[in-house]
Amino acid sequence: MQPTERSVRVLLVEDNRDTANTLATLLTRSGYEVRTVYSGLDAMGAAEAFEPDCIVSDIGLPGVDGYTLAERFRRHDSFRRTPLIALTAYADPERAKSAGFDEHLVKPTGLRTLAELINELTSVRKQMEATAQGQEQVLTAVKSLAGDVKELKEELKEEVQELKAELREVKEDVAEIKEQLRDVTGEADSGRA
């Protein structure tokens, strides 16, 4: 039930203040860092300031309901992949999923169930981020290697050109030496005659 590593940050959006405060206290005692807001209207601003690892939201909220809130979070670059859990009395998990919630829990839900779900979803998100980061590092390394290969290819091309030039000079030197040898052997042959 205890989260691992640093405290997982949970934004709790719940209009029933008693329920919200009780759940926030229980989650905090379980090792989570919790920020609570009591309306859908306040949720986006709180999320931007708090940068949660997971958002737990009621659906029946004043101002902006949980479905609309989930849709807004999914359109926001910073929260597109943030785990969203509907914790509500509404028993419509399909509608919650289509709005953008990852999971749908019906109240009352035990703390253990909620904590396990938060841990599971945030763990999966961290693994996905680590995989994406690893892929980005591989891509960067491949791009760097491609640049190195291109540079090496250019260097080799220049060296081949230099070797060709040196080979031409050697051929010219060999031709000159052959000419000198003919002259020398020609003089030796004429001296014998």
Protein backbone atom coordinates (compact mmCIF):
# COMPACT_ATOMS: atom_id res chain seq x y z
CA MET A 1 0.00 0.00 0.00
CA GLN A 2 2.96 2.33 0.54
CA PRO A 3 4.15 4.11 -2.61
CA THR A 4 7.78 3.56 -3.51
CA GLU A 5 10.60 6.09 -4.13
CA ARG A 6 9.52 9.72 -3.78
CA SER A 7 5.97 10.46 -2.74
CA VAL A 8 3.47 10.10 -5.54
CA ARG A 9 1.62 13.39 -6.04
CA VAL A 10 -2.15 12.96 -6.16
CA LEU A 11 -4.59 15.69 -7.13
CA LEU A 12 -7.97 14.93 -5.54
CA VAL A 13 -11.01 16.62 -7.09
CA GLU A 14 -14.05 16.08 -4.86
CA ASP A 15 -16.90 18.50 -4.08
CA ASN A 16 -17.93 16.80 -0.82
CA ARG A 17 -15.49 18.46 1.57
CA ASP A 18 -15.82 15.80 4.30
CA THR A 19 -15.14 12.99 1.81
CA ALA A 20 -12.30 14.95 0.21
CA ASN A 21 -10.60 15.84 3.48
CA THR A 22 -10.94 12.32 4.90
CA LEU A 23 -9.56 10.71 1.73
CA ALA A 24 -6.75 13.28 1.54
CA THR A 25 -5.78 12.55 5.15
CA LEU A 26 -5.78 8.78 4.57
CA LEU A 27 -3.73 9.10 1.36
CA THR A 28 -1.26 11.45 3.07
CA ARG A 29 -0.84 9.01 5.95
CA SER A 30 -0.18 6.30 3.37
CA GLY A 31 2.75 8.31 2.01
CA TYR A 32 1.21 10.26 -0.85
CA GLU A 33 1.52 13.99 -1.38
CA VAL A 34 -2.05 15.19 -1.85
CA ARG A 35 -3.58 18.43 -3.10
CA THR A 36 -7.36 18.77 -2.85
CA VAL A 37 -9.75 20.97 -4.84
CA TYR A 38 -13.51 21.05 -4.39
CA SER A 39 -14.70 21.89 -7.91
CA GLY A 40 -13.97 21.03 -11.50
CA LEU A 41 -13.39 24.71 -12.20
CA ASP A 42 -10.37 24.77 -9.87
CA ALA A 43 -8.87 21.46 -11.01
CA MET A 44 -6.89 22.55 -14.09
CA GLY A 45 -5.19 25.48 -12.33
CA ALA A 46 -4.37 23.28 -9.35
CA ALA A 47 -2.96 20.59 -11.64
CA GLU A 48 -0.77 23.10 -13.48
CA ALA A 49 0.63 24.38 -10.16
CA PHE A 50 0.94 20.98 -8.43
CA GLU A 51 2.02 18.78 -11.39
CA PRO A 52 0.40 15.58 -10.07
CA ASP A 53 1.48 12.04 -10.90
CA CYS A 54 -2.16 10.94 -10.71
CA ILE A 55 -5.55 12.67 -10.66
CA VAL A 56 -8.50 11.21 -8.74
CA SER A 57 -11.77 12.94 -9.56
CA ASP A 58 -15.42 12.71 -8.74
CA ILE A 59 -17.75 12.99 -11.73
CA GLY A 60 -20.66 14.88 -10.19
CA LEU A 61 -18.84 18.19 -9.67
CA PRO A 62 -20.21 21.74 -9.63
CA GLY A 63 -19.33 23.98 -12.57
CA VAL A 64 -17.44 21.48 -14.70
CA ASP A 65 -18.34 17.81 -14.32
CA GLY A 66 -15.74 15.04 -14.17
CA TYR A 67 -16.34 13.91 -17.75
CA THR A 68 -15.62 17.38 -19.14
CA LEU A 69 -12.66 17.72 -16.81
CA ALA A 70 -11.19 14.42 -18.03
CA GLU A 71 -11.59 15.54 -21.65
CA ARG A 72 -9.79 18.80 -20.84
CA PHE A 73 -6.93 16.99 -19.13
CA ARG A 74 -6.52 14.69 -22.14
CA ARG A 75 -6.27 17.70 -24.47
CA HIS A 76 -3.67 19.43 -22.24
CA ASP A 77 -0.06 18.65 -23.22
CA SER A 78 1.11 18.32 -19.62
CA PHE A 79 -1.64 15.93 -18.55
CA ARG A 80 -2.30 13.91 -21.72
CA ARG A 81 -0.73 10.81 -20.13
CA THR A 82 -1.35 11.54 -16.45
CA PRO A 83 -3.37 8.67 -14.93
CA LEU A 84 -6.99 9.71 -14.30
CA ILE A 85 -9.16 7.77 -11.88
CA ALA A 86 -12.89 8.40 -11.57
CA LEU A 87 -13.98 7.90 -7.96
CA THR A 88 -17.71 8.40 -8.09
CA ALA A 89 -21.19 7.18 -7.24
CA TYR A 90 -21.97 7.19 -10.99
CA ALA A 91 -21.93 3.66 -12.33
CA ASP A 92 -21.06 4.34 -15.96
CA PRO A 93 -17.49 3.07 -16.50
CA GLU A 94 -17.81 3.13 -20.32
CA ARG A 95 -18.70 6.81 -20.35
CA ALA A 96 -15.84 7.52 -17.93
CA LYS A 97 -13.37 5.66 -20.20
CA SER A 98 -14.60 7.45 -23.32
CA ALA A 99 -14.18 10.81 -21.54
CA GLY A 100 -10.53 9.96 -20.79
CA PHE A 101 -10.46 8.27 -17.40
CA ASP A 102 -8.08 5.33 -17.14
CA GLU A 103 -10.07 3.65 -14.38
CA HIS A 104 -13.51 3.94 -12.80
CA LEU A 105 -14.11 3.17 -9.13
CA VAL A 106 -17.55 3.30 -7.55
CA LYS A 107 -17.90 4.87 -4.09
CA PRO A 108 -17.41 3.71 -1.45
CA THR A 109 -14.02 2.28 -2.39
CA GLY A 110 -11.48 1.11 0.14
CA LEU A 111 -8.21 2.98 0.56
CA ARG A 112 -6.22 -0.17 -0.27
CA THR A 113 -7.97 -0.55 -3.65
CA LEU A 114 -7.43 3.13 -4.51
CA ALA A 115 -3.79 3.09 -3.37
CA GLU A 116 -3.01 -0.06 -5.35
CA LEU A 117 -4.59 1.46 -8.45
CA ILE A 118 -2.69 4.74 -8.03
CA ASN A 119 0.57 2.81 -7.61
CA GLU A 120 -0.12 0.59 -10.60
CA LEU A 121 -1.05 3.45 -12.94
CA THR A 122 1.83 5.70 -11.89
CA SER A 123 4.26 2.78 -12.17
CA VAL A 124 3.08 2.02 -15.71
CA ARG A 125 3.40 5.70 -16.62
CA LYS A 126 6.96 5.85 -15.24
CA GLN A 127 7.89 2.73 -17.22
CA MET A 128 6.44 4.25 -20.38
CA GLU A 129 8.36 7.49 -19.77
CA ALA A 130 11.56 5.55 -19.12
CA THR A 131 11.03 3.56 -22.32
CA ALA A 132 10.38 6.75 -24.28
CA GLN A 133 13.46 8.35 -22.74
CA GLY A 134 15.52 5.26 -23.60
CA GLN A 135 14.22 5.36 -27.16
CA GLU A 136 15.10 9.05 -27.39
CA GLN A 137 18.62 8.31 -26.14
CA VAL A 138 19.01 5.52 -28.71
CA LEU A 139 17.74 7.83 -31.45
CA THR A 140 20.19 10.54 -30.36
CA ALA A 141 23.04 8.00 -30.33
CA VAL A 142 22.06 6.72 -33.79
CA LYS A 143 21.94 10.29 -35.13
CA SER A 144 25.34 10.96 -33.58
CA LEU A 145 26.76 7.76 -35.08
CA ALA A 146 25.29 8.64 -38.47
CA GLY A 147 27.06 12.00 -38.24
CA ASP A 148 30.29 10.26 -37.24
CA VAL A 149 29.96 7.80 -40.14
CA LYS A 150 29.35 10.64 -42.58
CA GLU A 151 32.38 12.50 -41.22
CA LEU A 152 34.51 9.34 -41.43
CA LYS A 153 33.31 8.72 -44.97
CA GLU A 154 34.38 12.25 -45.96
CA GLU A 155 37.75 11.77 -44.29
CA LEU A 156 38.23 8.44 -46.08
CA LYS A 157 37.24 10.02 -49.38
CA GLU A 158 39.86 12.73 -48.85
CA GLU A 159 42.47 10.12 -47.92
CA VAL A 160 41.64 8.05 -51.02
CA GLN A 161 42.05 11.18 -53.15
CA GLU A 162 45.42 11.87 -51.49
CA LEU A 163 46.51 8.25 -52.01
CA LYS A 164 45.48 8.43 -55.67
CA ALA A 165 47.53 11.60 -56.07
CA GLU A 166 50.51 9.94 -54.36
CA LEU A 167 50.06 6.87 -56.59
CA ARG A 168 50.11 9.07 -59.70
CA GLU A 169 53.33 10.64 -58.43
CA VAL A 170 54.82 7.18 -57.80
CA LYS A 171 53.78 6.09 -61.32
CA GLU A 172 55.40 9.21 -62.74
CA ASP A 173 58.53 8.50 -60.69
CA VAL A 174 58.56 4.87 -61.90
CA ALA A 175 58.12 6.03 -65.53
CA GLU A 176 60.97 8.50 -65.04
CA ILE A 177 63.18 5.80 -63.50
CA LYS A 178 62.36 3.44 -66.39
CA GLU A 179 63.28 6.20 -68.84
CA GLN A 180 66.54 6.79 -67.01
CA LEU A 181 67.23 3.05 -67.01
CA ARG A 182 66.64 2.89 -70.76
CA ASP A 183 68.98 5.81 -71.22
CA VAL A 184 71.59 4.17 -69.03
CA THR A 185 71.22 0.77 -70.67
CA GLY A 186 71.18 2.45 -74.10
CA GLU A 187 74.44 4.25 -73.31
CA ALA A 188 75.94 1.02 -72.00
CA ASP A 189 74.89 -0.82 -75.16
CA SER A 190 76.32 1.91 -77.41
CA GLY A 191 79.56 1.90 -75.43
CA ARG A 192 80.02 -1.80 -76.10
CA ALA A 193 79.46 -1.46 -79.74
